[in-house]
Amino acid sequence: MTMLLRRLWTEDKGQDIAEYAVMLAVILVIVVGVIRLVGSNANTVFSSAASAIQ
């Protein structure tokens, strides 16, 4: 059991996958935040433009 844990601790094959997963999660959080911000501002602009037309 100790050898298995030691081998898993020193083996770095899965490290790249974990780094990519963390990087992808950070990028997704940023993209979702930007879309929410731009979406709410765009909704306000379109609403005021529609009010001006009527």
PDB file of N, CA and C in Angstrom:
ATOM      1  N   MET A   1       0.827  -1.195   0.000  1.00  0.00           N
ATOM      2  CA  MET A   1       0.000   0.000   0.000  1.00  0.00           C
ATOM      3  C   MET A   1       0.868   1.254   0.000  1.00  0.00           C
ATOM      4  N   THR A   2       1.927   1.223   0.789  1.00  0.00           N
ATOM      5  CA  THR A   2       2.827   2.373   0.861  1.00  0.00           C
ATOM      6  C   THR A   2       3.499   2.614  -0.484  1.00  0.00           C
ATOM      7  N   MET A   3       3.886   1.530  -1.160  1.00  0.00           N
ATOM      8  CA  MET A   3       4.526   1.685  -2.474  1.00  0.00           C
ATOM      9  C   MET A   3       3.558   2.286  -3.487  1.00  0.00           C
ATOM     10  N   LEU A   4       2.295   1.893  -3.423  1.00  0.00           N
ATOM     11  CA  LEU A   4       1.301   2.433  -4.333  1.00  0.00           C
ATOM     12  C   LEU A   4       1.128   3.934  -4.113  1.00  0.00           C
ATOM     13  N   LEU A   5       1.007   4.347  -2.866  1.00  0.00           N
ATOM     14  CA  LEU A   5       0.864   5.769  -2.557  1.00  0.00           C
ATOM     15  C   LEU A   5       2.101   6.554  -2.964  1.00  0.00           C
ATOM     16  N   ARG A   6       3.257   5.994  -2.721  1.00  0.00           N
ATOM     17  CA  ARG A   6       4.503   6.668  -3.089  1.00  0.00           C
ATOM     18  C   ARG A   6       4.607   6.820  -4.600  1.00  0.00           C
ATOM     19  N   ARG A   7       4.213   5.760  -5.343  1.00  0.00           N
ATOM     20  CA  ARG A   7       4.266   5.830  -6.797  1.00  0.00           C
ATOM     21  C   ARG A   7       3.274   6.859  -7.338  1.00  0.00           C
ATOM     22  N   LEU A   8       2.062   6.891  -6.767  1.00  0.00           N
ATOM     23  CA  LEU A   8       1.080   7.869  -7.204  1.00  0.00           C
ATOM     24  C   LEU A   8       1.528   9.295  -6.890  1.00  0.00           C
ATOM     25  N   TRP A   9       2.214   9.462  -5.769  1.00  0.00           N
ATOM     26  CA  TRP A   9       2.665  10.793  -5.369  1.00  0.00           C
ATOM     27  C   TRP A   9       3.766  11.307  -6.289  1.00  0.00           C
ATOM     28  N   THR A  10       4.662  10.419  -6.706  1.00  0.00           N
ATOM     29  CA  THR A  10       5.795  10.857  -7.527  1.00  0.00           C
ATOM     30  C   THR A  10       5.483  10.839  -9.019  1.00  0.00           C
ATOM     31  N   GLU A  11       4.462  10.118  -9.429  1.00  0.00           N
ATOM     32  CA  GLU A  11       4.122  10.042 -10.841  1.00  0.00           C
ATOM     33  C   GLU A  11       3.452  11.337 -11.271  1.00  0.00           C
ATOM     34  N   ASP A  12       3.860  11.887 -12.394  1.00  0.00           N
ATOM     35  CA  ASP A  12       3.325  13.184 -12.803  1.00  0.00           C
ATOM     36  C   ASP A  12       2.569  13.136 -14.129  1.00  0.00           C
ATOM     37  N   LYS A  13       2.098  11.979 -14.535  1.00  0.00           N
ATOM     38  CA  LYS A  13       1.322  11.894 -15.773  1.00  0.00           C
ATOM     39  C   LYS A  13       0.006  12.653 -15.659  1.00  0.00           C
ATOM     40  N   GLY A  14      -0.682  12.526 -14.544  1.00  0.00           N
ATOM     41  CA  GLY A  14      -1.963  13.182 -14.366  1.00  0.00           C
ATOM     42  C   GLY A  14      -1.859  14.655 -14.037  1.00  0.00           C
ATOM     43  N   GLN A  15      -0.670  15.116 -13.785  1.00  0.00           N
ATOM     44  CA  GLN A  15      -0.486  16.516 -13.411  1.00  0.00           C
ATOM     45  C   GLN A  15      -0.864  17.449 -14.557  1.00  0.00           C
ATOM     46  N   ASP A  16      -0.505  17.109 -15.777  1.00  0.00           N
ATOM     47  CA  ASP A  16      -0.846  17.950 -16.922  1.00  0.00           C
ATOM     48  C   ASP A  16      -2.354  18.069 -17.089  1.00  0.00           C
ATOM     49  N   ILE A  17      -3.051  16.964 -16.924  1.00  0.00           N
ATOM     50  CA  ILE A  17      -4.503  16.969 -17.069  1.00  0.00           C
ATOM     51  C   ILE A  17      -5.136  17.854 -16.003  1.00  0.00           C
ATOM     52  N   ALA A  18      -4.640  17.771 -14.786  1.00  0.00           N
ATOM     53  CA  ALA A  18      -5.178  18.597 -13.706  1.00  0.00           C
ATOM     54  C   ALA A  18      -4.916  20.074 -13.971  1.00  0.00           C
ATOM     55  N   GLU A  19      -3.756  20.407 -14.471  1.00  0.00           N
ATOM     56  CA  GLU A  19      -3.447  21.804 -14.785  1.00  0.00           C
ATOM     57  C   GLU A  19      -4.362  22.332 -15.889  1.00  0.00           C
ATOM     58  N   TYR A  20      -4.586  21.522 -16.915  1.00  0.00           N
ATOM     59  CA  TYR A  20      -5.485  21.945 -17.984  1.00  0.00           C
ATOM     60  C   TYR A  20      -6.911  22.099 -17.473  1.00  0.00           C
ATOM     61  N   ALA A  21      -7.341  21.225 -16.571  1.00  0.00           N
ATOM     62  CA  ALA A  21      -8.690  21.320 -16.017  1.00  0.00           C
ATOM     63  C   ALA A  21      -8.859  22.597 -15.208  1.00  0.00           C
ATOM     64  N   VAL A  22      -7.857  22.944 -14.412  1.00  0.00           N
ATOM     65  CA  VAL A  22      -7.929  24.185 -13.625  1.00  0.00           C
ATOM     66  C   VAL A  22      -7.935  25.395 -14.547  1.00  0.00           C
ATOM     67  N   MET A  23      -7.093  25.376 -15.572  1.00  0.00           N
ATOM     68  CA  MET A  23      -7.035  26.484 -16.517  1.00  0.00           C
ATOM     69  C   MET A  23      -8.366  26.628 -17.262  1.00  0.00           C
ATOM     70  N   LEU A  24      -8.969  25.516 -17.661  1.00  0.00           N
ATOM     71  CA  LEU A  24     -10.252  25.551 -18.340  1.00  0.00           C
ATOM     72  C   LEU A  24     -11.343  26.097 -17.423  1.00  0.00           C
ATOM     73  N   ALA A  25     -11.312  25.715 -16.161  1.00  0.00           N
ATOM     74  CA  ALA A  25     -12.306  26.208 -15.206  1.00  0.00           C
ATOM     75  C   ALA A  25     -12.180  27.719 -15.026  1.00  0.00           C
ATOM     76  N   VAL A  26     -10.969  28.221 -14.939  1.00  0.00           N
ATOM     77  CA  VAL A  26     -10.762  29.663 -14.781  1.00  0.00           C
ATOM     78  C   VAL A  26     -11.249  30.414 -16.025  1.00  0.00           C
ATOM     79  N   ILE A  27     -10.935  29.891 -17.189  1.00  0.00           N
ATOM     80  CA  ILE A  27     -11.370  30.532 -18.427  1.00  0.00           C
ATOM     81  C   ILE A  27     -12.893  30.532 -18.521  1.00  0.00           C
ATOM     82  N   LEU A  28     -13.530  29.429 -18.150  1.00  0.00           N
ATOM     83  CA  LEU A  28     -14.988  29.364 -18.201  1.00  0.00           C
ATOM     84  C   LEU A  28     -15.631  30.359 -17.246  1.00  0.00           C
ATOM     85  N   VAL A  29     -15.064  30.514 -16.060  1.00  0.00           N
ATOM     86  CA  VAL A  29     -15.607  31.483 -15.109  1.00  0.00           C
ATOM     87  C   VAL A  29     -15.499  32.897 -15.668  1.00  0.00           C
ATOM     88  N   ILE A  30     -14.383  33.207 -16.284  1.00  0.00           N
ATOM     89  CA  ILE A  30     -14.194  34.536 -16.867  1.00  0.00           C
ATOM     90  C   ILE A  30     -15.173  34.759 -18.015  1.00  0.00           C
ATOM     91  N   VAL A  31     -15.321  33.781 -18.888  1.00  0.00           N
ATOM     92  CA  VAL A  31     -16.218  33.917 -20.036  1.00  0.00           C
ATOM     93  C   VAL A  31     -17.665  34.083 -19.579  1.00  0.00           C
ATOM     94  N   VAL A  32     -18.089  33.285 -18.620  1.00  0.00           N
ATOM     95  CA  VAL A  32     -19.458  33.397 -18.126  1.00  0.00           C
ATOM     96  C   VAL A  32     -19.683  34.761 -17.483  1.00  0.00           C
ATOM     97  N   GLY A  33     -18.719  35.257 -16.739  1.00  0.00           N
ATOM     98  CA  GLY A  33     -18.841  36.578 -16.129  1.00  0.00           C
ATOM     99  C   GLY A  33     -18.950  37.680 -17.162  1.00  0.00           C
ATOM    100  N   VAL A  34     -18.147  37.599 -18.202  1.00  0.00           N
ATOM    101  CA  VAL A  34     -18.186  38.616 -19.260  1.00  0.00           C
ATOM    102  C   VAL A  34     -19.512  38.557 -20.007  1.00  0.00           C
ATOM    103  N   ILE A  35     -19.988  37.358 -20.293  1.00  0.00           N
ATOM    104  CA  ILE A  35     -21.260  37.221 -21.003  1.00  0.00           C
ATOM    105  C   ILE A  35     -22.405  37.772 -20.162  1.00  0.00           C
ATOM    106  N   ARG A  36     -22.391  37.513 -18.877  1.00  0.00           N
ATOM    107  CA  ARG A  36     -23.454  38.049 -18.015  1.00  0.00           C
ATOM    108  C   ARG A  36     -23.396  39.577 -17.974  1.00  0.00           C
ATOM    109  N   LEU A  37     -22.196  40.130 -17.889  1.00  0.00           N
ATOM    110  CA  LEU A  37     -22.045  41.580 -17.839  1.00  0.00           C
ATOM    111  C   LEU A  37     -22.488  42.220 -19.146  1.00  0.00           C
ATOM    112  N   VAL A  38     -22.005  41.709 -20.255  1.00  0.00           N
ATOM    113  CA  VAL A  38     -22.356  42.258 -21.556  1.00  0.00           C
ATOM    114  C   VAL A  38     -23.836  42.026 -21.844  1.00  0.00           C
ATOM    115  N   GLY A  39     -24.352  40.888 -21.455  1.00  0.00           N
ATOM    116  CA  GLY A  39     -25.758  40.584 -21.699  1.00  0.00           C
ATOM    117  C   GLY A  39     -26.694  41.545 -20.997  1.00  0.00           C
ATOM    118  N   SER A  40     -26.408  41.852 -19.749  1.00  0.00           N
ATOM    119  CA  SER A  40     -27.279  42.775 -19.026  1.00  0.00           C
ATOM    120  C   SER A  40     -27.161  44.193 -19.588  1.00  0.00           C
ATOM    121  N   ASN A  41     -25.977  44.605 -19.973  1.00  0.00           N
ATOM    122  CA  ASN A  41     -25.811  45.931 -20.581  1.00  0.00           C
ATOM    123  C   ASN A  41     -26.487  45.997 -21.946  1.00  0.00           C
ATOM    124  N   ALA A  42     -26.384  44.941 -22.721  1.00  0.00           N
ATOM    125  CA  ALA A  42     -27.022  44.921 -24.036  1.00  0.00           C
ATOM    126  C   ALA A  42     -28.534  44.966 -23.882  1.00  0.00           C
ATOM    127  N   ASN A  43     -29.069  44.284 -22.901  1.00  0.00           N
ATOM    128  CA  ASN A  43     -30.508  44.307 -22.657  1.00  0.00           C
ATOM    129  C   ASN A  43     -30.976  45.721 -22.330  1.00  0.00           C
ATOM    130  N   THR A  44     -30.211  46.427 -21.537  1.00  0.00           N
ATOM    131  CA  THR A  44     -30.553  47.809 -21.191  1.00  0.00           C
ATOM    132  C   THR A  44     -30.529  48.701 -22.432  1.00  0.00           C
ATOM    133  N   VAL A  45     -29.526  48.555 -23.259  1.00  0.00           N
ATOM    134  CA  VAL A  45     -29.407  49.370 -24.477  1.00  0.00           C
ATOM    135  C   VAL A  45     -30.569  49.093 -25.420  1.00  0.00           C
ATOM    136  N   PHE A  46     -30.889  47.823 -25.638  1.00  0.00           N
ATOM    137  CA  PHE A  46     -31.988  47.488 -26.540  1.00  0.00           C
ATOM    138  C   PHE A  46     -33.331  47.954 -25.981  1.00  0.00           C
ATOM    139  N   SER A  47     -33.510  47.882 -24.690  1.00  0.00           N
ATOM    140  CA  SER A  47     -34.762  48.335 -24.082  1.00  0.00           C
ATOM    141  C   SER A  47     -34.928  49.848 -24.251  1.00  0.00           C
ATOM    142  N   SER A  48     -33.870  50.590 -24.036  1.00  0.00           N
ATOM    143  CA  SER A  48     -33.962  52.045 -24.185  1.00  0.00           C
ATOM    144  C   SER A  48     -34.130  52.433 -25.658  1.00  0.00           C
ATOM    145  N   ALA A  49     -33.527  51.669 -26.570  1.00  0.00           N
ATOM    146  CA  ALA A  49     -33.710  51.950 -27.993  1.00  0.00           C
ATOM    147  C   ALA A  49     -35.149  51.649 -28.403  1.00  0.00           C
ATOM    148  N   ALA A  50     -35.710  50.588 -27.883  1.00  0.00           N
ATOM    149  CA  ALA A  50     -37.105  50.236 -28.201  1.00  0.00           C
ATOM    150  C   ALA A  50     -38.057  51.297 -27.644  1.00  0.00           C
ATOM    151  N   SER A  51     -37.756  51.813 -26.450  1.00  0.00           N
ATOM    152  CA  SER A  51     -38.592  52.863 -25.864  1.00  0.00           C
ATOM    153  C   SER A  51     -38.527  54.143 -26.681  1.00  0.00           C
ATOM    154  N   ALA A  52     -37.360  54.446 -27.210  1.00  0.00           N
ATOM    155  CA  ALA A  52     -37.192  55.656 -28.002  1.00  0.00           C
ATOM    156  C   ALA A  52     -37.934  55.564 -29.328  1.00  0.00           C
ATOM    157  N   ILE A  53     -37.993  54.366 -29.893  1.00  0.00           N
ATOM    158  CA  ILE A  53     -38.670  54.174 -31.179  1.00  0.00           C
ATOM    159  C   ILE A  53     -40.180  54.338 -31.003  1.00  0.00           C
ATOM    160  N   GLN A  54     -40.707  53.833 -29.906  1.00  0.00           N
ATOM    161  CA  GLN A  54     -42.155  53.904 -29.678  1.00  0.00           C
ATOM    162  C   GLN A  54     -42.464  55.280 -29.233  1.00  0.00           C
TER     163      GLN A  54
END
